[in-house]
Amino acid sequence: MIELDQNNIPKHVAIIMDGNGRWAKQKNKMRIFGHTNGVSAVRRAVSYARQTGVNFLTLYAFSSENWNRPEQEVSALMTLFMQALDREVKKLHKNNIRLKIIGDVSRFSESLQEKIAKAENLTEKNTALTLNIAANYGGCWDIVQAAKQLAEKVKNNEMSVDEIDEIAFQRHLVTRDEPPVDLLIRTSGEQRISNFLLWQIAYAELYFSDVLWPDFDEAEFNRAIACYQQRHRRFGGTE
């Protein structure tokens, strides 16, 4: 493990968890085998984030475009999501971790929506780490839904157009009370954003890992943060 500067730990880390399908294919297994083993990587990432002092960890679990995948795979993913909520929430609560599901949950089944609400309520006051699971989420959708909320407020004379600025807009995103992303990690060697947290990553440092998600471990997370600490963040300014 690389020794990290504890005074320069990213407050908000986001991860595009990519490569489950390819990992399973390498082992001549069905894609859902990769997704199932990806849950173990989630546990490792959450544990390492909490241990290292990251305040917010946002994981891209299911994009709004993922509904276009084969029906069997989507159904299996939904089942896996429900099982994970059943198994993991008490552990998260015990470790003082707050769970939030960010995205349009209205498309999920009523039973899954109920589990989500119970999990969020149980962990609502936890303070060690906020774990955001982006499910049925898209960055464009997030921006549009924020714009709609603001338009509705202007329509109802709750605010004026002149009051809409970056701060007001941020308050209507699904990450409204959270800092912007400092470090965005994508696994599996792909170098795309894939419609993830488009507003929130405006000045994020990007780290692309060749590791497939089920193999993502504490050592690779450590390398990503160490690489982040070597960057000089200027936020549009000069040297």
Foldseek 3Di string as FASTA:
>chain_A
DDDDDLVQFWQEEEEEQFFLQVVQVVVVHHSLVSVLLLVVLVVQVVVLCLVSQHAEYEYEQAELVNVPPDPVSVVSSLVSLVVCLVPCLVVCQVVLEAEAEFADCPPPDPVSVVSRVVSNVSNVPRGSHYYYYHHNHFLVVQQVQLVVVVVVCCVVVVDPPVPDDPLSSLCSGSCNVDAAGAEYEYEQQDDDPRRPNVVRCPQHDYHYYNHNSSPDHSVNVVVRSVVSVPDDRDVPHDD
